[in-house]
């Protein structure tokens, strides 16, 4: 899958590497800001019984 994406990015090698880093950073930012907080409400690991 990563090779498929890398082959279809435009430009020379150095530009494809930069595009790959930017795409990775954008995907990671989207996951951390929206997906993981939304999923945390369904996780039982955030329920604490200490102190109650």
PDB file of N, CA and C in Angstrom:
ATOM      1  N   UNK A   1       0.822  -1.171   0.000  1.00  0.00           N
ATOM      2  CA  UNK A   1       0.000   0.000   0.000  1.00  0.00           C
ATOM      3  C   UNK A   1       0.879   1.253   0.000  1.00  0.00           C
ATOM      4  N   UNK A   2       1.902   1.281   0.829  1.00  0.00           N
ATOM      5  CA  UNK A   2       2.751   2.461   0.892  1.00  0.00           C
ATOM      6  C   UNK A   2       3.530   2.647  -0.400  1.00  0.00           C
ATOM      7  N   UNK A   3       3.950   1.561  -1.007  1.00  0.00           N
ATOM      8  CA  UNK A   3       4.648   1.661  -2.286  1.00  0.00           C
ATOM      9  C   UNK A   3       3.707   2.193  -3.362  1.00  0.00           C
ATOM     10  N   UNK A   4       2.449   1.778  -3.331  1.00  0.00           N
ATOM     11  CA  UNK A   4       1.462   2.266  -4.289  1.00  0.00           C
ATOM     12  C   UNK A   4       1.300   3.774  -4.159  1.00  0.00           C
ATOM     13  N   UNK A   5       1.158   4.252  -2.932  1.00  0.00           N
ATOM     14  CA  UNK A   5       1.011   5.693  -2.697  1.00  0.00           C
ATOM     15  C   UNK A   5       2.279   6.420  -3.124  1.00  0.00           C
ATOM     16  N   UNK A   6       3.425   5.905  -2.759  1.00  0.00           N
ATOM     17  CA  UNK A   6       4.701   6.554  -3.064  1.00  0.00           C
ATOM     18  C   UNK A   6       4.923   6.627  -4.572  1.00  0.00           C
ATOM     19  N   UNK A   7       4.549   5.578  -5.303  1.00  0.00           N
ATOM     20  CA  UNK A   7       4.725   5.591  -6.757  1.00  0.00           C
ATOM     21  C   UNK A   7       3.833   6.611  -7.437  1.00  0.00           C
ATOM     22  N   UNK A   8       2.670   6.896  -6.855  1.00  0.00           N
ATOM     23  CA  UNK A   8       1.725   7.798  -7.493  1.00  0.00           C
ATOM     24  C   UNK A   8       1.866   9.258  -7.061  1.00  0.00           C
ATOM     25  N   UNK A   9       2.796   9.550  -6.193  1.00  0.00           N
ATOM     26  CA  UNK A   9       3.062  10.939  -5.839  1.00  0.00           C
ATOM     27  C   UNK A   9       3.868  11.583  -6.961  1.00  0.00           C
ATOM     28  N   UNK A  10       3.584  12.864  -7.261  1.00  0.00           N
ATOM     29  CA  UNK A  10       4.301  13.525  -8.355  1.00  0.00           C
ATOM     30  C   UNK A  10       5.684  14.006  -7.935  1.00  0.00           C
ATOM     31  N   UNK A  11       6.548  14.180  -8.925  1.00  0.00           N
ATOM     32  CA  UNK A  11       7.836  14.813  -8.705  1.00  0.00           C
ATOM     33  C   UNK A  11       8.984  13.847  -8.531  1.00  0.00           C
ATOM     34  N   UNK A  12      10.168  14.422  -8.334  1.00  0.00           N
ATOM     35  CA  UNK A  12      11.363  13.607  -8.108  1.00  0.00           C
ATOM     36  C   UNK A  12      11.357  12.994  -6.709  1.00  0.00           C
ATOM     37  N   UNK A  13      12.360  12.197  -6.443  1.00  0.00           N
ATOM     38  CA  UNK A  13      12.418  11.444  -5.178  1.00  0.00           C
ATOM     39  C   UNK A  13      12.351  12.349  -3.961  1.00  0.00           C
ATOM     40  N   UNK A  14      13.126  13.437  -3.948  1.00  0.00           N
ATOM     41  CA  UNK A  14      13.148  14.296  -2.769  1.00  0.00           C
ATOM     42  C   UNK A  14      11.775  14.920  -2.514  1.00  0.00           C
ATOM     43  N   UNK A  15      11.039  15.242  -3.587  1.00  0.00           N
ATOM     44  CA  UNK A  15       9.707  15.818  -3.421  1.00  0.00           C
ATOM     45  C   UNK A  15       8.704  14.775  -2.942  1.00  0.00           C
ATOM     46  N   UNK A  16       8.840  13.548  -3.406  1.00  0.00           N
ATOM     47  CA  UNK A  16       7.951  12.477  -2.947  1.00  0.00           C
ATOM     48  C   UNK A  16       8.178  12.176  -1.477  1.00  0.00           C
ATOM     49  N   UNK A  17       9.417  12.257  -1.032  1.00  0.00           N
ATOM     50  CA  UNK A  17       9.710  12.045   0.391  1.00  0.00           C
ATOM     51  C   UNK A  17       9.052  13.137   1.229  1.00  0.00           C
ATOM     52  N   UNK A  18       9.144  14.383   0.774  1.00  0.00           N
ATOM     53  CA  UNK A  18       8.509  15.489   1.496  1.00  0.00           C
ATOM     54  C   UNK A  18       6.994  15.323   1.518  1.00  0.00           C
ATOM     55  N   UNK A  19       6.404  14.948   0.368  1.00  0.00           N
ATOM     56  CA  UNK A  19       4.964  14.712   0.316  1.00  0.00           C
ATOM     57  C   UNK A  19       4.559  13.579   1.263  1.00  0.00           C
ATOM     58  N   UNK A  20       5.364  12.533   1.320  1.00  0.00           N
ATOM     59  CA  UNK A  20       5.060  11.409   2.207  1.00  0.00           C
ATOM     60  C   UNK A  20       5.071  11.843   3.667  1.00  0.00           C
ATOM     61  N   UNK A  21       6.047  12.641   4.040  1.00  0.00           N
ATOM     62  CA  UNK A  21       6.126  13.133   5.417  1.00  0.00           C
ATOM     63  C   UNK A  21       4.928  14.019   5.738  1.00  0.00           C
ATOM     64  N   UNK A  22       4.558  14.881   4.805  1.00  0.00           N
ATOM     65  CA  UNK A  22       3.409  15.757   5.023  1.00  0.00           C
ATOM     66  C   UNK A  22       2.101  14.971   5.123  1.00  0.00           C
ATOM     67  N   UNK A  23       1.944  13.963   4.288  1.00  0.00           N
ATOM     68  CA  UNK A  23       0.739  13.129   4.362  1.00  0.00           C
ATOM     69  C   UNK A  23       0.672  12.361   5.670  1.00  0.00           C
ATOM     70  N   UNK A  24       1.812  11.849   6.123  1.00  0.00           N
ATOM     71  CA  UNK A  24       1.862  11.145   7.399  1.00  0.00           C
ATOM     72  C   UNK A  24       1.515  12.087   8.549  1.00  0.00           C
ATOM     73  N   UNK A  25       2.078  13.291   8.519  1.00  0.00           N
ATOM     74  CA  UNK A  25       1.799  14.265   9.579  1.00  0.00           C
ATOM     75  C   UNK A  25       0.329  14.668   9.584  1.00  0.00           C
ATOM     76  N   UNK A  26      -0.273  14.836   8.409  1.00  0.00           N
ATOM     77  CA  UNK A  26      -1.688  15.201   8.328  1.00  0.00           C
ATOM     78  C   UNK A  26      -2.569  14.072   8.857  1.00  0.00           C
ATOM     79  N   UNK A  27      -2.252  12.845   8.507  1.00  0.00           N
ATOM     80  CA  UNK A  27      -3.035  11.707   8.998  1.00  0.00           C
ATOM     81  C   UNK A  27      -2.899  11.575  10.516  1.00  0.00           C
ATOM     82  N   UNK A  28      -1.701  11.736  11.031  1.00  0.00           N
ATOM     83  CA  UNK A  28      -1.477  11.646  12.473  1.00  0.00           C
ATOM     84  C   UNK A  28      -2.210  12.765  13.214  1.00  0.00           C
ATOM     85  N   UNK A  29      -2.181  13.974  12.665  1.00  0.00           N
ATOM     86  CA  UNK A  29      -2.880  15.094  13.279  1.00  0.00           C
ATOM     87  C   UNK A  29      -4.388  14.850  13.316  1.00  0.00           C
ATOM     88  N   UNK A  30      -4.933  14.341  12.235  1.00  0.00           N
ATOM     89  CA  UNK A  30      -6.368  14.047  12.193  1.00  0.00           C
ATOM     90  C   UNK A  30      -6.731  12.972  13.209  1.00  0.00           C
ATOM     91  N   UNK A  31      -5.902  11.955  13.334  1.00  0.00           N
ATOM     92  CA  UNK A  31      -6.184  10.898  14.304  1.00  0.00           C
ATOM     93  C   UNK A  31      -6.149  11.424  15.731  1.00  0.00           C
ATOM     94  N   UNK A  32      -5.120  12.191  16.064  1.00  0.00           N
ATOM     95  CA  UNK A  32      -4.954  12.672  17.437  1.00  0.00           C
ATOM     96  C   UNK A  32      -6.029  13.690  17.806  1.00  0.00           C
ATOM     97  N   UNK A  33      -6.419  14.550  16.861  1.00  0.00           N
ATOM     98  CA  UNK A  33      -7.365  15.618  17.179  1.00  0.00           C
ATOM     99  C   UNK A  33      -8.827  15.194  17.138  1.00  0.00           C
ATOM    100  N   UNK A  34      -9.188  14.246  16.269  1.00  0.00           N
ATOM    101  CA  UNK A  34     -10.606  13.930  16.110  1.00  0.00           C
ATOM    102  C   UNK A  34     -10.941  12.465  16.354  1.00  0.00           C
ATOM    103  N   UNK A  35     -10.175  11.554  15.823  1.00  0.00           N
ATOM    104  CA  UNK A  35     -10.568  10.140  15.885  1.00  0.00           C
ATOM    105  C   UNK A  35     -10.338   9.558  17.277  1.00  0.00           C
ATOM    106  N   UNK A  36      -9.154   9.733  17.846  1.00  0.00           N
ATOM    107  CA  UNK A  36      -8.873   9.147  19.157  1.00  0.00           C
ATOM    108  C   UNK A  36      -9.752   9.720  20.270  1.00  0.00           C
ATOM    109  N   UNK A  37      -9.998  11.039  20.326  1.00  0.00           N
ATOM    110  CA  UNK A  37     -10.930  11.527  21.358  1.00  0.00           C
ATOM    111  C   UNK A  37     -12.340  10.965  21.191  1.00  0.00           C
ATOM    112  N   UNK A  38     -12.787  10.806  19.966  1.00  0.00           N
ATOM    113  CA  UNK A  38     -14.115  10.239  19.736  1.00  0.00           C
ATOM    114  C   UNK A  38     -14.160   8.781  20.179  1.00  0.00           C
ATOM    115  N   UNK A  39     -13.108   8.014  19.905  1.00  0.00           N
ATOM    116  CA  UNK A  39     -13.078   6.607  20.296  1.00  0.00           C
ATOM    117  C   UNK A  39     -12.921   6.411  21.801  1.00  0.00           C
ATOM    118  N   UNK A  40     -12.332   7.380  22.488  1.00  0.00           N
ATOM    119  CA  UNK A  40     -12.082   7.210  23.921  1.00  0.00           C
ATOM    120  C   UNK A  40     -13.377   7.124  24.725  1.00  0.00           C
ATOM    121  N   UNK A  41     -14.450   7.667  24.216  1.00  0.00           N
ATOM    122  CA  UNK A  41     -15.711   7.579  24.949  1.00  0.00           C
ATOM    123  C   UNK A  41     -16.274   6.160  24.956  1.00  0.00           C
ATOM    124  N   UNK A  42     -15.823   5.322  24.068  1.00  0.00           N
ATOM    125  CA  UNK A  42     -16.283   3.941  24.004  1.00  0.00           C
ATOM    126  C   UNK A  42     -15.343   2.970  24.716  1.00  0.00           C
ATOM    127  N   UNK A  43     -14.214   3.474  25.214  1.00  0.00           N
ATOM    128  CA  UNK A  43     -13.215   2.613  25.842  1.00  0.00           C
ATOM    129  C   UNK A  43     -13.472   2.482  27.335  1.00  0.00           C
ATOM    130  N   UNK A  44     -13.492   1.261  27.854  1.00  0.00           N
ATOM    131  CA  UNK A  44     -13.677   1.101  29.300  1.00  0.00           C
ATOM    132  C   UNK A  44     -12.393   1.382  30.078  1.00  0.00           C
ATOM    133  N   UNK A  45     -11.285   1.617  29.388  1.00  0.00           N
ATOM    134  CA  UNK A  45     -10.017   1.843  30.067  1.00  0.00           C
ATOM    135  C   UNK A  45      -9.964   3.215  30.724  1.00  0.00           C
ATOM    136  N   UNK A  46     -10.845   4.130  30.372  1.00  0.00           N
ATOM    137  CA  UNK A  46     -10.829   5.451  30.972  1.00  0.00           C
ATOM    138  C   UNK A  46     -11.668   5.514  32.246  1.00  0.00           C
ATOM    139  N   UNK A  47     -12.413   4.470  32.571  1.00  0.00           N
ATOM    140  CA  UNK A  47     -13.207   4.448  33.800  1.00  0.00           C
ATOM    141  C   UNK A  47     -12.301   4.121  34.979  1.00  0.00           C
ATOM    142  N   UNK A  48     -12.237   5.034  35.934  1.00  0.00           N
ATOM    143  CA  UNK A  48     -11.365   4.857  37.083  1.00  0.00           C
ATOM    144  C   UNK A  48     -12.210   4.548  38.322  1.00  0.00           C
ATOM    145  N   UNK A  49     -11.744   3.603  39.125  1.00  0.00           N
ATOM    146  CA  UNK A  49     -12.430   3.278  40.380  1.00  0.00           C
ATOM    147  C   UNK A  49     -11.599   3.699  41.592  1.00  0.00           C
ATOM    148  N   UNK A  50     -10.453   4.289  41.343  1.00  0.00           N
ATOM    149  CA  UNK A  50      -9.604   4.726  42.449  1.00  0.00           C
ATOM    150  C   UNK A  50     -10.164   6.032  43.005  1.00  0.00           C
ATOM    151  N   UNK A  51     -10.292   6.091  44.307  1.00  0.00           N
ATOM    152  CA  UNK A  51     -10.774   7.294  44.955  1.00  0.00           C
ATOM    153  C   UNK A  51     -12.289   7.388  45.086  1.00  0.00           C
ATOM    154  N   UNK A  52     -13.001   6.373  44.683  1.00  0.00           N
ATOM    155  CA  UNK A  52     -14.471   6.455  44.827  1.00  0.00           C
ATOM    156  C   UNK A  52     -14.972   5.523  45.895  1.00  0.00           C
TER     157      UNK A  52
END
